[in-house]
C-alpha atoms as a PDB file:
ATOM      1  CA  UNK A   1       0.000   0.000   0.000  1.00  0.00           C
ATOM      2  CA  UNK A   2       1.423   3.409  -0.993  1.00  0.00           C
ATOM      3  CA  UNK A   3       0.595   6.663   0.648  1.00  0.00           C
ATOM      4  CA  UNK A   4       0.836  10.203  -0.609  1.00  0.00           C
ATOM      5  CA  UNK A   5       0.900  13.157   1.737  1.00  0.00           C
ATOM      6  CA  UNK A   6      -2.111  15.067   0.524  1.00  0.00           C
ATOM      7  CA  UNK A   7      -4.495  12.255  -0.237  1.00  0.00           C
ATOM      8  CA  UNK A   8      -3.546  10.159   2.756  1.00  0.00           C
ATOM      9  CA  UNK A   9      -3.827  13.092   5.149  1.00  0.00           C
ATOM     10  CA  UNK A  10      -7.210  14.045   3.760  1.00  0.00           C
ATOM     11  CA  UNK A  11      -8.507  10.491   3.849  1.00  0.00           C
ATOM     12  CA  UNK A  12      -7.306   9.862   7.378  1.00  0.00           C
ATOM     13  CA  UNK A  13      -8.777  13.102   8.682  1.00  0.00           C
ATOM     14  CA  UNK A  14     -12.120  12.277   7.011  1.00  0.00           C
ATOM     15  CA  UNK A  15     -12.024   8.849   8.693  1.00  0.00           C
ATOM     16  CA  UNK A  16     -11.392  10.416  12.078  1.00  0.00           C
ATOM     17  CA  UNK A  17     -14.130  13.020  11.628  1.00  0.00           C
ATOM     18  CA  UNK A  18     -16.682  10.495  10.408  1.00  0.00           C
ATOM     19  CA  UNK A  19     -15.898   8.142  13.263  1.00  0.00           C
ATOM     20  CA  UNK A  20     -16.144  10.972  15.762  1.00  0.00           C
ATOM     21  CA  UNK A  21     -19.576  11.950  14.516  1.00  0.00           C
ATOM     22  CA  UNK A  22     -20.739   8.365  14.830  1.00  0.00           C
ATOM     23  CA  UNK A  23     -19.490   7.996  18.389  1.00  0.00           C
ATOM     24  CA  UNK A  24     -20.889  11.363  19.409  1.00  0.00           C
ATOM     25  CA  UNK A  25     -24.223  10.306  17.985  1.00  0.00           C
ATOM     26  CA  UNK A  26     -24.048   7.233  20.235  1.00  0.00           C
ATOM     27  CA  UNK A  27     -23.564   9.447  23.279  1.00  0.00           C
ATOM     28  CA  UNK A  28     -25.784  12.390  22.319  1.00  0.00           C
ATOM     29  CA  UNK A  29     -29.296  13.455  23.274  1.00  0.00           C
ATOM     30  CA  UNK A  30     -31.946  10.761  23.703  1.00  0.00           C
ATOM     31  CA  UNK A  31     -34.264  10.014  20.810  1.00  0.00           C
ATOM     32  CA  UNK A  32     -37.950  10.932  20.819  1.00  0.00           C
ATOM     33  CA  UNK A  33     -40.033   8.342  22.707  1.00  0.00           C
ATOM     34  CA  UNK A  34     -42.485   6.145  20.803  1.00  0.00           C
ATOM     35  CA  UNK A  35     -45.363   3.960  21.995  1.00  0.00           C
ATOM     36  CA  UNK A  36     -42.963   1.069  22.416  1.00  0.00           C
ATOM     37  CA  UNK A  37     -39.576   2.479  23.504  1.00  0.00           C
ATOM     38  CA  UNK A  38     -36.583   0.967  21.764  1.00  0.00           C
ATOM     39  CA  UNK A  39     -34.032  -0.891  23.890  1.00  0.00           C
ATOM     40  CA  UNK A  40     -31.372   1.376  25.336  1.00  0.00           C
ATOM     41  CA  UNK A  41     -28.168   1.390  23.246  1.00  0.00           C
ATOM     42  CA  UNK A  42     -25.114  -0.279  24.780  1.00  0.00           C
ATOM     43  CA  UNK A  43     -22.995   1.962  26.949  1.00  0.00           C
ATOM     44  CA  UNK A  44     -20.038   3.424  25.099  1.00  0.00           C
ATOM     45  CA  UNK A  45     -16.788   2.175  26.658  1.00  0.00           C
ATOM     46  CA  UNK A  46     -14.694   4.567  28.713  1.00  0.00           C
ATOM     47  CA  UNK A  47     -12.533   6.116  26.029  1.00  0.00           C
ATOM     48  CA  UNK A  48     -11.415   9.748  26.051  1.00  0.00           C
ATOM     49  CA  UNK A  49     -12.641  10.837  22.626  1.00  0.00           C
ATOM     50  CA  UNK A  50     -10.906  14.208  22.940  1.00  0.00           C
ATOM     51  CA  UNK A  51      -7.546  12.464  23.201  1.00  0.00           C
ATOM     52  CA  UNK A  52      -8.404   9.971  20.458  1.00  0.00           C
ATOM     53  CA  UNK A  53      -9.403  12.691  18.005  1.00  0.00           C
ATOM     54  CA  UNK A  54      -6.584  15.082  18.856  1.00  0.00           C
ATOM     55  CA  UNK A  55      -3.658  12.666  18.823  1.00  0.00           C
ATOM     56  CA  UNK A  56      -5.135  10.786  15.863  1.00  0.00           C
ATOM     57  CA  UNK A  57      -4.630  13.965  13.837  1.00  0.00           C
ATOM     58  CA  UNK A  58      -0.880  13.258  14.004  1.00  0.00           C
ATOM     59  CA  UNK A  59      -1.265  10.154  11.834  1.00  0.00           C
ATOM     60  CA  UNK A  60      -1.339  11.998   8.455  1.00  0.00           C
ATOM     61  CA  UNK A  61       1.920  13.746   9.379  1.00  0.00           C
ATOM     62  CA  UNK A  62       3.385  10.383  10.394  1.00  0.00           C
ATOM     63  CA  UNK A  63       2.361   8.896   7.058  1.00  0.00           C
ATOM     64  CA  UNK A  64       3.915  11.871   5.316  1.00  0.00           C
ATOM     65  CA  UNK A  65       7.154  11.337   7.201  1.00  0.00           C
ATOM     66  CA  UNK A  66       7.237   7.727   6.027  1.00  0.00           C
ATOM     67  CA  UNK A  67       6.706   8.839   2.428  1.00  0.00           C
ATOM     68  CA  UNK A  68       8.937  11.916   2.470  1.00  0.00           C
ATOM     69  CA  UNK A  69      11.893  11.953   4.841  1.00  0.00           C
ATOM     70  CA  UNK A  70      13.547  15.109   6.101  1.00  0.00           C
ATOM     71  CA  UNK A  71      16.745  16.544   4.585  1.00  0.00           C
ATOM     72  CA  UNK A  72      18.821  14.419   6.964  1.00  0.00           C
ATOM     73  CA  UNK A  73      17.060  11.248   5.815  1.00  0.00           C
ATOM     74  CA  UNK A  74      15.158  11.006   9.063  1.00  0.00           C
ATOM     75  CA  UNK A  75      11.887  12.477  10.312  1.00  0.00           C
ATOM     76  CA  UNK A  76      10.042  15.007   8.191  1.00  0.00           C
ATOM     77  CA  UNK A  77       9.998  18.339  10.022  1.00  0.00           C
ATOM     78  CA  UNK A  78       6.208  18.589   9.537  1.00  0.00           C
ATOM     79  CA  UNK A  79       5.832  15.817  12.099  1.00  0.00           C
ATOM     80  CA  UNK A  80       7.931  17.626  14.691  1.00  0.00           C
ATOM     81  CA  UNK A  81       6.282  20.960  13.925  1.00  0.00           C
ATOM     82  CA  UNK A  82       2.765  19.607  14.436  1.00  0.00           C
ATOM     83  CA  UNK A  83       3.625  17.856  17.699  1.00  0.00           C
ATOM     84  CA  UNK A  84       5.362  20.939  19.086  1.00  0.00           C
ATOM     85  CA  UNK A  85       2.485  23.226  18.136  1.00  0.00           C
ATOM     86  CA  UNK A  86      -0.064  20.956  19.815  1.00  0.00           C
ATOM     87  CA  UNK A  87       2.012  20.594  22.977  1.00  0.00           C
ATOM     88  CA  UNK A  88       2.051  24.381  23.439  1.00  0.00           C
ATOM     89  CA  UNK A  89      -1.518  25.125  22.289  1.00  0.00           C
ATOM     90  CA  UNK A  90      -3.383  27.369  24.764  1.00  0.00           C
ATOM     91  CA  UNK A  91      -6.359  25.940  26.613  1.00  0.00           C
ATOM     92  CA  UNK A  92      -5.275  22.320  26.167  1.00  0.00           C
ATOM     93  CA  UNK A  93      -6.884  19.997  28.782  1.00  0.00           C
ATOM     94  CA  UNK A  94      -4.186  18.812  31.233  1.00  0.00           C
ATOM     95  CA  UNK A  95      -4.388  15.110  30.404  1.00  0.00           C
ATOM     96  CA  UNK A  96      -4.310  15.747  26.663  1.00  0.00           C
ATOM     97  CA  UNK A  97      -1.554  18.309  27.081  1.00  0.00           C
ATOM     98  CA  UNK A  98       0.544  15.691  28.875  1.00  0.00           C
ATOM     99  CA  UNK A  99       0.207  13.345  25.893  1.00  0.00           C
ATOM    100  CA  UNK A 100       1.265  15.962  23.344  1.00  0.00           C
ATOM    101  CA  UNK A 101       4.113  17.109  25.561  1.00  0.00           C
ATOM    102  CA  UNK A 102       5.510  13.589  25.724  1.00  0.00           C
ATOM    103  CA  UNK A 103       5.187  13.190  21.940  1.00  0.00           C
ATOM    104  CA  UNK A 104       7.079  16.449  21.382  1.00  0.00           C
ATOM    105  CA  UNK A 105       9.767  15.513  23.919  1.00  0.00           C
ATOM    106  CA  UNK A 106      10.041  12.042  22.423  1.00  0.00           C
ATOM    107  CA  UNK A 107      10.733  13.564  18.996  1.00  0.00           C
ATOM    108  CA  UNK A 108      13.219  15.996  20.529  1.00  0.00           C
ATOM    109  CA  UNK A 109      14.983  13.215  22.406  1.00  0.00           C
ATOM    110  CA  UNK A 110      14.316  14.527  25.919  1.00  0.00           C
ATOM    111  CA  UNK A 111      11.543  12.134  27.050  1.00  0.00           C
ATOM    112  CA  UNK A 112      12.559   9.144  29.154  1.00  0.00           C
ATOM    113  CA  UNK A 113      10.923   5.697  29.056  1.00  0.00           C
ATOM    114  CA  UNK A 114       9.610   6.276  32.592  1.00  0.00           C
ATOM    115  CA  UNK A 115       7.932   9.557  31.632  1.00  0.00           C
ATOM    116  CA  UNK A 116       6.290   8.068  28.551  1.00  0.00           C
ATOM    117  CA  UNK A 117       5.139   4.994  30.489  1.00  0.00           C
ATOM    118  CA  UNK A 118       3.565   7.165  33.193  1.00  0.00           C
ATOM    119  CA  UNK A 119       1.408   9.036  30.647  1.00  0.00           C
ATOM    120  CA  UNK A 120       0.388   5.802  28.930  1.00  0.00           C
ATOM    121  CA  UNK A 121      -0.447   4.087  32.225  1.00  0.00           C
ATOM    122  CA  UNK A 122      -2.596   7.039  33.308  1.00  0.00           C
ATOM    123  CA  UNK A 123      -4.610   7.019  30.086  1.00  0.00           C
ATOM    124  CA  UNK A 124      -5.043   3.240  29.961  1.00  0.00           C
ATOM    125  CA  UNK A 125      -5.915   2.599  33.604  1.00  0.00           C
ATOM    126  CA  UNK A 126      -9.708   2.614  33.095  1.00  0.00           C
ATOM    127  CA  UNK A 127      -9.703   0.165  30.179  1.00  0.00           C
ATOM    128  CA  UNK A 128      -9.433  -3.589  30.718  1.00  0.00           C
ATOM    129  CA  UNK A 129      -7.685  -5.975  30.472  1.00  0.00           C
ATOM    130  CA  UNK A 130      -5.176  -5.452  33.236  1.00  0.00           C
ATOM    131  CA  UNK A 131      -1.618  -5.802  32.025  1.00  0.00           C
ATOM    132  CA  UNK A 132       0.037  -8.825  33.666  1.00  0.00           C
ATOM    133  CA  UNK A 133       2.725  -8.182  36.232  1.00  0.00           C
ATOM    134  CA  UNK A 134       5.350 -10.273  37.990  1.00  0.00           C
ATOM    135  CA  UNK A 135       8.812 -11.623  37.196  1.00  0.00           C
ATOM    136  CA  UNK A 136       7.599 -13.665  34.204  1.00  0.00           C
ATOM    137  CA  UNK A 137       5.345 -11.002  32.715  1.00  0.00           C
ATOM    138  CA  UNK A 138       6.267  -9.603  29.286  1.00  0.00           C
ATOM    139  CA  UNK A 139       7.974  -6.225  29.259  1.00  0.00           C
ATOM    140  CA  UNK A 140       5.465  -4.055  27.467  1.00  0.00           C
ATOM    141  CA  UNK A 141       5.139  -0.439  26.391  1.00  0.00           C
ATOM    142  CA  UNK A 142       1.512   0.614  26.079  1.00  0.00           C
ATOM    143  CA  UNK A 143       0.307   2.950  23.364  1.00  0.00           C
ATOM    144  CA  UNK A 144      -0.530   6.413  24.669  1.00  0.00           C
ATOM    145  CA  UNK A 145      -4.291   5.868  24.949  1.00  0.00           C
ATOM    146  CA  UNK A 146      -6.995   3.254  24.341  1.00  0.00           C
ATOM    147  CA  UNK A 147      -9.062   3.696  21.202  1.00  0.00           C
ATOM    148  CA  UNK A 148     -12.474   2.561  20.003  1.00  0.00           C
ATOM    149  CA  UNK A 149     -13.770   0.431  17.144  1.00  0.00           C
ATOM    150  CA  UNK A 150     -17.181   1.273  15.716  1.00  0.00           C
ATOM    151  CA  UNK A 151     -19.485  -1.673  15.104  1.00  0.00           C
ATOM    152  CA  UNK A 152     -17.025  -4.228  16.461  1.00  0.00           C
ATOM    153  CA  UNK A 153     -19.788  -5.404  18.801  1.00  0.00           C
ATOM    154  CA  UNK A 154     -23.389  -5.569  17.562  1.00  0.00           C
ATOM    155  CA  UNK A 155     -24.988  -2.230  18.364  1.00  0.00           C
ATOM    156  CA  UNK A 156     -21.957  -0.733  20.026  1.00  0.00           C
ATOM    157  CA  UNK A 157     -18.269  -0.009  20.123  1.00  0.00           C
ATOM    158  CA  UNK A 158     -15.270  -1.937  21.391  1.00  0.00           C
ATOM    159  CA  UNK A 159     -12.360  -0.522  23.365  1.00  0.00           C
ATOM    160  CA  UNK A 160      -9.072  -1.235  21.623  1.00  0.00           C
ATOM    161  CA  UNK A 161      -5.739  -1.438  23.431  1.00  0.00           C
ATOM    162  CA  UNK A 162      -2.341  -1.525  21.757  1.00  0.00           C
ATOM    163  CA  UNK A 163       1.160  -2.143  23.022  1.00  0.00           C
ATOM    164  CA  UNK A 164       4.713  -2.771  21.892  1.00  0.00           C
ATOM    165  CA  UNK A 165       7.278  -5.246  23.165  1.00  0.00           C
ATOM    166  CA  UNK A 166      10.969  -4.672  22.474  1.00  0.00           C
ATOM    167  CA  UNK A 167      13.083  -7.715  21.701  1.00  0.00           C
ATOM    168  CA  UNK A 168      14.542  -9.947  22.682  1.00  0.00           C
ATOM    169  CA  UNK A 169      11.609 -11.529  24.527  1.00  0.00           C
ATOM    170  CA  UNK A 170       8.963 -14.177  23.922  1.00  0.00           C
ATOM    171  CA  UNK A 171       5.878 -11.978  23.621  1.00  0.00           C
ATOM    172  CA  UNK A 172       4.067 -11.744  21.353  1.00  0.00           C
ATOM    173  CA  UNK A 173       4.792 -15.315  20.249  1.00  0.00           C
ATOM    174  CA  UNK A 174       7.068 -16.226  18.561  1.00  0.00           C
ATOM    175  CA  UNK A 175       8.672 -13.101  20.037  1.00  0.00           C
ATOM    176  CA  UNK A 176      10.703 -10.211  18.630  1.00  0.00           C
ATOM    177  CA  UNK A 177      14.481 -10.488  18.425  1.00  0.00           C
ATOM    178  CA  UNK A 178      16.968  -7.791  19.324  1.00  0.00           C
ATOM    179  CA  UNK A 179      16.266  -4.732  17.195  1.00  0.00           C
ATOM    180  CA  UNK A 180      12.675  -5.794  16.585  1.00  0.00           C
ATOM    181  CA  UNK A 181       9.344  -4.533  17.909  1.00  0.00           C
ATOM    182  CA  UNK A 182       6.330  -6.738  18.582  1.00  0.00           C
ATOM    183  CA  UNK A 183       2.969  -5.001  18.075  1.00  0.00           C
ATOM    184  CA  UNK A 184      -0.218  -6.221  19.788  1.00  0.00           C
ATOM    185  CA  UNK A 185      -3.737  -4.851  19.345  1.00  0.00           C
ATOM    186  CA  UNK A 186      -6.719  -6.248  21.284  1.00  0.00           C
ATOM    187  CA  UNK A 187     -10.356  -5.419  20.528  1.00  0.00           C
ATOM    188  CA  UNK A 188     -12.090  -6.006  23.844  1.00  0.00           C
ATOM    189  CA  UNK A 189     -15.431  -7.798  24.011  1.00  0.00           C
ATOM    190  CA  UNK A 190     -15.161  -9.335  20.556  1.00  0.00           C
ATOM    191  CA  UNK A 191     -14.761 -12.885  19.319  1.00  0.00           C
ATOM    192  CA  UNK A 192     -11.572 -14.441  17.914  1.00  0.00           C
ATOM    193  CA  UNK A 193      -9.529 -12.513  15.359  1.00  0.00           C
ATOM    194  CA  UNK A 194      -9.929 -13.191  11.645  1.00  0.00           C
ATOM    195  CA  UNK A 195      -7.331 -12.323   9.009  1.00  0.00           C
ATOM    196  CA  UNK A 196      -8.750  -9.846   6.514  1.00  0.00           C
ATOM    197  CA  UNK A 197      -6.293  -9.432   3.659  1.00  0.00           C
ATOM    198  CA  UNK A 198      -8.481  -6.969   1.762  1.00  0.00           C
ATOM    199  CA  UNK A 199      -8.998  -4.666   4.745  1.00  0.00           C
ATOM    200  CA  UNK A 200      -6.216  -5.310   7.253  1.00  0.00           C
ATOM    201  CA  UNK A 201      -5.351  -3.788  10.591  1.00  0.00           C
ATOM    202  CA  UNK A 202      -2.166  -1.822   9.883  1.00  0.00           C
ATOM    203  CA  UNK A 203       0.754  -0.681  12.003  1.00  0.00           C
ATOM    204  CA  UNK A 204       3.043   2.051  10.681  1.00  0.00           C
ATOM    205  CA  UNK A 205       6.273   3.075  12.362  1.00  0.00           C
ATOM    206  CA  UNK A 206       9.351   5.249  12.045  1.00  0.00           C
ATOM    207  CA  UNK A 207      12.609   4.987  13.952  1.00  0.00           C
ATOM    208  CA  UNK A 208      13.305   8.575  15.003  1.00  0.00           C
ATOM    209  CA  UNK A 209      17.025   7.920  15.482  1.00  0.00           C
ATOM    210  CA  UNK A 210      17.808   6.171  12.193  1.00  0.00           C
ATOM    211  CA  UNK A 211      15.054   7.230   9.800  1.00  0.00           C
ATOM    212  CA  UNK A 212      14.160   3.607   9.104  1.00  0.00           C
ATOM    213  CA  UNK A 213      10.416   3.182   8.634  1.00  0.00           C
ATOM    214  CA  UNK A 214       7.842   0.663   7.526  1.00  0.00           C
ATOM    215  CA  UNK A 215       4.388  -0.778   7.856  1.00  0.00           C
ATOM    216  CA  UNK A 216       2.896  -4.202   8.431  1.00  0.00           C
ATOM    217  CA  UNK A 217      -0.462  -5.898   8.639  1.00  0.00           C
ATOM    218  CA  UNK A 218      -1.309  -7.173  12.104  1.00  0.00           C
ATOM    219  CA  UNK A 219      -2.752 -10.672  11.971  1.00  0.00           C
ATOM    220  CA  UNK A 220      -4.478 -13.308  14.055  1.00  0.00           C
ATOM    221  CA  UNK A 221      -2.050 -15.053  16.370  1.00  0.00           C
ATOM    222  CA  UNK A 222      -2.867 -18.721  16.952  1.00  0.00           C
ATOM    223  CA  UNK A 223      -1.206 -18.541  20.390  1.00  0.00           C
ATOM    224  CA  UNK A 224      -3.127 -15.542  21.742  1.00  0.00           C
ATOM    225  CA  UNK A 225      -6.905 -15.565  22.394  1.00  0.00           C
ATOM    226  CA  UNK A 226      -7.428 -17.613  19.242  1.00  0.00           C
ATOM    227  CA  UNK A 227     -10.295 -19.781  20.541  1.00  0.00           C
ATOM    228  CA  UNK A 228     -12.710 -17.523  22.403  1.00  0.00           C
ATOM    229  CA  UNK A 229     -11.312 -14.047  21.829  1.00  0.00           C
ATOM    230  CA  UNK A 230     -11.116 -11.183  22.394  1.00  0.00           C
ATOM    231  CA  UNK A 231      -9.809 -10.487  18.910  1.00  0.00           C
ATOM    232  CA  UNK A 232      -6.053 -10.019  19.176  1.00  0.00           C
ATOM    233  CA  UNK A 233      -3.778  -9.078  16.291  1.00  0.00           C
ATOM    234  CA  UNK A 234       0.016  -9.123  16.339  1.00  0.00           C
ATOM    235  CA  UNK A 235       3.015  -8.484  14.146  1.00  0.00           C
ATOM    236  CA  UNK A 236       6.784  -8.117  14.421  1.00  0.00           C
ATOM    237  CA  UNK A 237       8.766  -5.366  12.692  1.00  0.00           C
ATOM    238  CA  UNK A 238      12.515  -5.003  12.322  1.00  0.00           C
ATOM    239  CA  UNK A 239      12.748  -1.392  13.440  1.00  0.00           C
ATOM    240  CA  UNK A 240      16.342  -1.429  14.608  1.00  0.00           C
ATOM    241  CA  UNK A 241      17.317  -0.035  17.975  1.00  0.00           C
ATOM    242  CA  UNK A 242      16.173   3.471  18.843  1.00  0.00           C
ATOM    243  CA  UNK A 243      13.046   5.534  19.476  1.00  0.00           C
ATOM    244  CA  UNK A 244      10.074   4.286  17.477  1.00  0.00           C
ATOM    245  CA  UNK A 245       6.938   6.335  16.847  1.00  0.00           C
ATOM    246  CA  UNK A 246       4.066   4.130  15.703  1.00  0.00           C
ATOM    247  CA  UNK A 247       0.368   4.188  14.895  1.00  0.00           C
ATOM    248  CA  UNK A 248      -2.230   1.460  14.423  1.00  0.00           C
ATOM    249  CA  UNK A 249      -5.338   2.004  12.310  1.00  0.00           C
ATOM    250  CA  UNK A 250      -7.582   0.211   9.816  1.00  0.00           C
ATOM    251  CA  UNK A 251     -10.055  -2.620  10.118  1.00  0.00           C
ATOM    252  CA  UNK A 252     -10.582  -5.140  12.895  1.00  0.00           C
ATOM    253  CA  UNK A 253     -12.243  -8.383  11.781  1.00  0.00           C
ATOM    254  CA  UNK A 254     -13.469 -10.906  14.339  1.00  0.00           C
ATOM    255  CA  UNK A 255     -15.973 -13.725  14.571  1.00  0.00           C
ATOM    256  CA  UNK A 256     -19.319 -13.195  16.312  1.00  0.00           C
ATOM    257  CA  UNK A 257     -21.767 -16.116  16.347  1.00  0.00           C
ATOM    258  CA  UNK A 258     -19.600 -17.866  13.742  1.00  0.00           C
ATOM    259  CA  UNK A 259     -19.905 -14.950  11.310  1.00  0.00           C
ATOM    260  CA  UNK A 260     -17.104 -12.493  10.466  1.00  0.00           C
ATOM    261  CA  UNK A 261     -17.668  -8.897  11.586  1.00  0.00           C
ATOM    262  CA  UNK A 262     -15.417  -6.094  10.303  1.00  0.00           C
ATOM    263  CA  UNK A 263     -15.210  -2.649  11.901  1.00  0.00           C
ATOM    264  CA  UNK A 264     -13.149   0.528  11.660  1.00  0.00           C
ATOM    265  CA  UNK A 265     -10.995   1.737  14.527  1.00  0.00           C
ATOM    266  CA  UNK A 266      -9.771   5.204  15.396  1.00  0.00           C
ATOM    267  CA  UNK A 267      -5.993   5.500  14.941  1.00  0.00           C
ATOM    268  CA  UNK A 268      -3.981   5.111  18.120  1.00  0.00           C
ATOM    269  CA  UNK A 269      -0.398   6.308  18.602  1.00  0.00           C
ATOM    270  CA  UNK A 270       2.454   4.820  20.594  1.00  0.00           C
ATOM    271  CA  UNK A 271       6.011   5.721  21.618  1.00  0.00           C
ATOM    272  CA  UNK A 272       8.478   2.894  22.108  1.00  0.00           C
ATOM    273  CA  UNK A 273      12.125   2.513  23.052  1.00  0.00           C
ATOM    274  CA  UNK A 274      13.566  -0.466  21.179  1.00  0.00           C
END
């Protein structure tokens, strides 16, 4: 799949806006009552739509940076410019401001893994599942915020959580090696994942330190939630060592009552130290 700056940016922004309108409609004013009231719609999961919409706007610039590198062969300056402008925008809500600040510092090289992890943990704390802990738990780096998939569950939306593991380690199976990143996306409340080659779930990434970049389709993993769900998609990318800025977007396809169900997710953005 090839991307061009103008068309990709426009398409992605239209996707975000259309999805936002749909979710806002799900949470808006009640409908007019009829003789036989319709069943109440499912509760929308606890996802901060302000953060989802705002940070998702960075994805077109990220795509542009993959397509057109900067003069030093690394990150396109448009990406840095947008992140810096958002981090200093007046009137920014504190939680959202913290996310943009960490993105800007990450691009500048001043953010530490602990600082980034703290922001991600704060934003993800209200969305299940709980990340495993203990000496044998995988070493994970959560994306900056949970996202939402529209229509992933009949009549409602599904919270989506994404994370990265830096190799070498065993998760996600078969495990990334040194210089590789393992991507995991889980669509909560859904059935088992289904591979959808025509409309995949995509991860894009750029190594801020080397300029190396790429994309991959995340796929069903037979070793992770493959029988009963929730739908979990994984992939391993050879990013090289360094700071990796990534985004996941596209289509989640799972099985509900033995039938495949495809749905669109809001883009979600992650910062990883590989």
